[in-house]
């Protein structure tokens, strides 16, 4: 955090908590040390790596009905169980792998979610072939900053369970045969992977995350002729 750390003066904005380390954080990231690290070092930072994007979209599906902390605590075992979330490898999983995963106490043993992850890995191959990468596909759905709340406080964030872009991406993914990718799941994915900056006003991570998004080179979509559209930093951030 370094020079980005500013200890707020006066009453804290709603939804902001200052930890014993003096860092002001969004309320959800202020408790468990695992949550703190995730909030401070991962959440909201823009990602263009396909394996990380596929992992996050998969784990968001596993989270349905559970807390994200539950998934975080199991994330390393998930990575081992799903071959590091390499889509090409997971796409080859069959009945034996499904049974192995159902017997693994280190992950969420839900057959529908396991089979959805394998199915999505197969659909990933089709999508990446069409767009050049999963990153190029998902970053097309980055919300326009002009449509975002002018001030992202606690009340505004609670209204953002989904967005028009997450609804559109969810609808398109499901049309393409993906599973466990509802609008709320997709929006949580967008928050985590930096397509939006939902750190609250007053959170020490909001400003540096915004700067990182501004510098981030958006991935380009492969054209039919093999060329790529521009992927330069976008002023919408």
Protein backbone atom coordinates (compact mmCIF):
# COMPACT_ATOMS: atom_id res chain seq x y z
CA UNK A 1 0.00 0.00 0.00
CA UNK A 2 2.89 2.33 0.81
CA UNK A 3 2.15 5.97 0.10
CA UNK A 4 -1.43 5.15 -0.85
CA UNK A 5 -2.40 4.63 2.80
CA UNK A 6 -4.41 7.52 4.16
CA UNK A 7 -5.90 7.30 7.63
CA UNK A 8 -9.28 9.04 7.35
CA UNK A 9 -10.06 11.90 9.69
CA UNK A 10 -13.44 12.24 11.36
CA UNK A 11 -16.32 9.77 11.13
CA UNK A 12 -15.80 6.88 8.74
CA UNK A 13 -18.11 6.56 5.73
CA UNK A 14 -20.67 3.80 6.08
CA UNK A 15 -19.21 0.49 4.93
CA UNK A 16 -15.59 1.46 5.70
CA UNK A 17 -13.63 -0.15 8.52
CA UNK A 18 -10.12 0.73 9.69
CA UNK A 19 -8.19 -2.33 10.80
CA UNK A 20 -5.63 -2.65 13.54
CA UNK A 21 -3.02 -2.06 10.81
CA UNK A 22 -4.46 1.41 10.17
CA UNK A 23 -5.79 0.49 6.72
CA UNK A 24 -9.28 1.64 5.71
CA UNK A 25 -11.09 -1.15 3.89
CA UNK A 26 -14.49 -2.06 2.52
CA UNK A 27 -16.37 -3.65 5.40
CA UNK A 28 -16.42 -7.14 3.89
CA UNK A 29 -12.62 -7.28 3.63
CA UNK A 30 -11.82 -6.10 7.13
CA UNK A 31 -12.21 -9.25 9.21
CA UNK A 32 -10.64 -12.61 8.42
CA UNK A 33 -6.95 -12.33 7.41
CA UNK A 34 -7.68 -14.32 4.25
CA UNK A 35 -10.34 -11.80 3.28
CA UNK A 36 -7.95 -8.92 4.05
CA UNK A 37 -5.29 -10.26 1.68
CA UNK A 38 -7.84 -10.95 -1.00
CA UNK A 39 -9.36 -7.47 -0.67
CA UNK A 40 -5.97 -5.71 -0.60
CA UNK A 41 -4.09 -7.64 -3.28
CA UNK A 42 -6.59 -9.18 -5.70
CA UNK A 43 -10.15 -7.87 -5.69
CA UNK A 44 -10.82 -5.25 -8.33
CA UNK A 45 -7.41 -5.40 -10.00
CA UNK A 46 -7.82 -5.89 -13.77
CA UNK A 47 -6.99 -9.34 -15.13
CA UNK A 48 -6.36 -10.47 -18.70
CA UNK A 49 -5.04 -13.98 -18.02
CA UNK A 50 -7.45 -16.60 -19.33
CA UNK A 51 -6.65 -19.21 -16.71
CA UNK A 52 -7.32 -16.77 -13.86
CA UNK A 53 -10.51 -15.59 -15.51
CA UNK A 54 -11.74 -19.14 -16.02
CA UNK A 55 -10.83 -20.04 -12.45
CA UNK A 56 -12.72 -17.09 -11.03
CA UNK A 57 -15.81 -17.68 -13.14
CA UNK A 58 -15.76 -21.33 -12.06
CA UNK A 59 -15.31 -20.54 -8.38
CA UNK A 60 -18.08 -17.96 -8.50
CA UNK A 61 -20.31 -20.77 -9.71
CA UNK A 62 -19.21 -22.97 -6.83
CA UNK A 63 -19.91 -20.12 -4.42
CA UNK A 64 -23.64 -20.06 -5.23
CA UNK A 65 -25.43 -20.46 -1.89
CA UNK A 66 -22.18 -20.18 0.08
CA UNK A 67 -19.87 -17.42 1.32
CA UNK A 68 -16.82 -16.38 -0.69
CA UNK A 69 -14.71 -16.99 2.41
CA UNK A 70 -15.69 -20.67 2.23
CA UNK A 71 -14.38 -20.80 -1.32
CA UNK A 72 -11.22 -18.86 -0.47
CA UNK A 73 -10.37 -21.37 2.23
CA UNK A 74 -10.70 -24.18 -0.29
CA UNK A 75 -9.17 -22.38 -3.28
CA UNK A 76 -5.79 -24.11 -3.25
CA UNK A 77 -7.44 -27.52 -3.11
CA UNK A 78 -9.78 -26.47 -5.92
CA UNK A 79 -6.72 -25.56 -7.99
CA UNK A 80 -5.14 -28.94 -7.40
CA UNK A 81 -8.38 -30.79 -8.07
CA UNK A 82 -9.07 -28.92 -11.32
CA UNK A 83 -5.54 -29.01 -12.78
CA UNK A 84 -4.89 -25.36 -12.04
CA UNK A 85 -8.10 -24.49 -13.90
CA UNK A 86 -6.40 -25.05 -17.23
CA UNK A 87 -9.47 -25.11 -19.51
CA UNK A 88 -7.94 -27.47 -22.05
CA UNK A 89 -7.20 -30.04 -19.33
CA UNK A 90 -10.52 -29.65 -17.52
CA UNK A 91 -12.34 -30.04 -20.84
CA UNK A 92 -10.98 -33.59 -21.03
CA UNK A 93 -12.41 -34.60 -17.64
CA UNK A 94 -14.81 -37.51 -17.81
CA UNK A 95 -16.80 -39.77 -15.48
CA UNK A 96 -13.73 -40.91 -13.53
CA UNK A 97 -12.69 -37.33 -12.81
CA UNK A 98 -16.21 -36.40 -11.75
CA UNK A 99 -16.25 -39.28 -9.26
CA UNK A 100 -12.79 -38.29 -8.01
CA UNK A 101 -13.96 -34.73 -7.44
CA UNK A 102 -17.12 -35.87 -5.67
CA UNK A 103 -14.90 -37.79 -3.24
CA UNK A 104 -12.58 -34.83 -2.55
CA UNK A 105 -13.41 -33.28 0.86
CA UNK A 106 -11.21 -30.27 0.09
CA UNK A 107 -13.64 -28.80 -2.44
CA UNK A 108 -17.39 -28.18 -2.65
CA UNK A 109 -18.72 -31.59 -3.61
CA UNK A 110 -21.70 -30.63 -5.71
CA UNK A 111 -22.23 -32.73 -8.82
CA UNK A 112 -24.10 -30.04 -10.75
CA UNK A 113 -21.35 -27.46 -10.12
CA UNK A 114 -18.57 -29.92 -10.93
CA UNK A 115 -20.21 -30.96 -14.19
CA UNK A 116 -20.91 -27.31 -15.03
CA UNK A 117 -17.21 -26.46 -14.64
CA UNK A 118 -16.24 -29.28 -17.00
CA UNK A 119 -18.93 -28.24 -19.46
CA UNK A 120 -17.78 -24.62 -19.30
CA UNK A 121 -14.20 -25.66 -20.00
CA UNK A 122 -15.42 -27.31 -23.19
CA UNK A 123 -17.41 -24.22 -24.12
CA UNK A 124 -14.31 -22.12 -23.36
CA UNK A 125 -12.46 -23.76 -26.23
CA UNK A 126 -15.20 -22.68 -28.64
CA UNK A 127 -15.33 -19.14 -27.26
CA UNK A 128 -11.56 -18.63 -27.25
CA UNK A 129 -11.39 -19.85 -30.82
CA UNK A 130 -13.98 -17.27 -31.87
CA UNK A 131 -12.67 -14.27 -29.91
CA UNK A 132 -8.99 -15.10 -29.53
CA UNK A 133 -9.22 -15.44 -25.75
CA UNK A 134 -11.67 -15.48 -22.87
CA UNK A 135 -10.15 -12.16 -21.80
CA UNK A 136 -11.02 -10.50 -25.09
CA UNK A 137 -14.57 -11.77 -24.76
CA UNK A 138 -15.25 -10.69 -21.18
CA UNK A 139 -13.61 -7.25 -21.49
CA UNK A 140 -16.10 -6.38 -24.22
CA UNK A 141 -18.62 -6.18 -21.39
CA UNK A 142 -16.72 -3.63 -19.31
CA UNK A 143 -19.35 -1.10 -18.16
CA UNK A 144 -19.07 2.47 -19.38
CA UNK A 145 -17.93 4.66 -16.48
CA UNK A 146 -20.64 7.20 -17.40
CA UNK A 147 -23.29 4.65 -16.43
CA UNK A 148 -21.72 3.97 -13.05
CA UNK A 149 -22.79 5.65 -9.78
CA UNK A 150 -21.05 9.05 -9.52
CA UNK A 151 -20.17 8.27 -5.89
CA UNK A 152 -19.73 4.64 -4.93
CA UNK A 153 -20.76 4.62 -1.30
CA UNK A 154 -22.19 1.74 0.73
CA UNK A 155 -25.79 2.46 -0.29
CA UNK A 156 -24.89 2.63 -3.99
CA UNK A 157 -22.91 -0.61 -3.86
CA UNK A 158 -25.80 -2.49 -2.29
CA UNK A 159 -27.87 -1.62 -5.36
CA UNK A 160 -25.29 -3.20 -7.70
CA UNK A 161 -26.15 -6.88 -7.46
CA UNK A 162 -25.96 -6.96 -11.24
CA UNK A 163 -25.68 -4.54 -14.15
CA UNK A 164 -26.97 -4.34 -17.73
CA UNK A 165 -23.57 -5.62 -18.84
CA UNK A 166 -23.58 -8.60 -16.48
CA UNK A 167 -27.12 -9.43 -17.63
CA UNK A 168 -26.00 -9.27 -21.26
CA UNK A 169 -22.88 -11.36 -20.66
CA UNK A 170 -24.84 -13.92 -18.66
CA UNK A 171 -27.44 -14.21 -21.39
CA UNK A 172 -24.80 -14.63 -24.08
CA UNK A 173 -22.80 -17.21 -22.13
CA UNK A 174 -25.91 -19.25 -21.47
CA UNK A 175 -26.80 -19.03 -25.15
CA UNK A 176 -23.36 -20.49 -25.81
CA UNK A 177 -24.07 -23.39 -23.43
CA UNK A 178 -22.31 -22.18 -20.25
CA UNK A 179 -23.82 -23.06 -16.86
CA UNK A 180 -23.88 -21.38 -13.42
CA UNK A 181 -23.31 -17.97 -15.01
CA UNK A 182 -26.33 -15.97 -13.88
CA UNK A 183 -26.24 -12.14 -13.86
CA UNK A 184 -25.32 -11.91 -10.15
CA UNK A 185 -22.53 -14.47 -10.54
CA UNK A 186 -21.20 -12.62 -13.59
CA UNK A 187 -21.29 -9.27 -11.81
CA UNK A 188 -19.34 -10.68 -8.85
CA UNK A 189 -16.82 -11.96 -11.41
CA UNK A 190 -16.61 -8.48 -12.97
CA UNK A 191 -16.00 -6.91 -9.55
CA UNK A 192 -13.21 -9.32 -8.73
CA UNK A 193 -11.48 -9.23 -12.13
CA UNK A 194 -11.39 -5.45 -12.36
CA UNK A 195 -14.01 -4.80 -15.03
CA UNK A 196 -15.45 -2.41 -12.43
CA UNK A 197 -13.88 -0.76 -9.41
CA UNK A 198 -16.30 -1.41 -6.55
CA UNK A 199 -13.99 -0.48 -3.71
CA UNK A 200 -15.98 2.07 -1.74
CA UNK A 201 -15.17 5.75 -1.49
CA UNK A 202 -12.94 5.96 1.58
CA UNK A 203 -11.32 2.55 1.00
CA UNK A 204 -7.53 2.80 0.73
CA UNK A 205 -7.60 0.47 -2.27
CA UNK A 206 -10.01 2.51 -4.40
CA UNK A 207 -7.56 5.09 -5.79
CA UNK A 208 -4.67 2.70 -6.60
CA UNK A 209 -7.13 0.27 -8.17
CA UNK A 210 -8.49 3.08 -10.33
CA UNK A 211 -4.98 4.01 -11.43
CA UNK A 212 -4.21 0.39 -12.29
CA UNK A 213 -7.39 0.14 -14.34
CA UNK A 214 -6.42 3.30 -16.19
CA UNK A 215 -3.01 1.84 -17.12
CA UNK A 216 -4.41 -1.58 -17.97
CA UNK A 217 -4.20 -2.62 -21.62
CA UNK A 218 -7.57 -4.04 -22.59
CA UNK A 219 -7.25 -7.33 -24.48
CA UNK A 220 -8.19 -7.26 -28.13
CA UNK A 221 -10.63 -9.43 -30.05
CA UNK A 222 -9.22 -11.49 -32.90
CA UNK A 223 -10.86 -10.69 -36.21
CA UNK A 224 -11.86 -13.21 -38.81
CA UNK A 225 -8.70 -12.34 -40.75
CA UNK A 226 -6.51 -12.99 -37.71
CA UNK A 227 -5.97 -9.31 -37.00
CA UNK A 228 -6.75 -7.75 -33.62
CA UNK A 229 -8.68 -4.68 -32.60
CA UNK A 230 -6.87 -2.13 -30.49
CA UNK A 231 -6.37 -3.10 -26.84
CA UNK A 232 -4.92 0.14 -25.51
CA UNK A 233 -5.76 1.65 -22.15
CA UNK A 234 -9.30 2.94 -22.05
CA UNK A 235 -10.19 6.40 -20.77
CA UNK A 236 -13.47 5.04 -19.33
CA UNK A 237 -11.57 4.01 -16.24
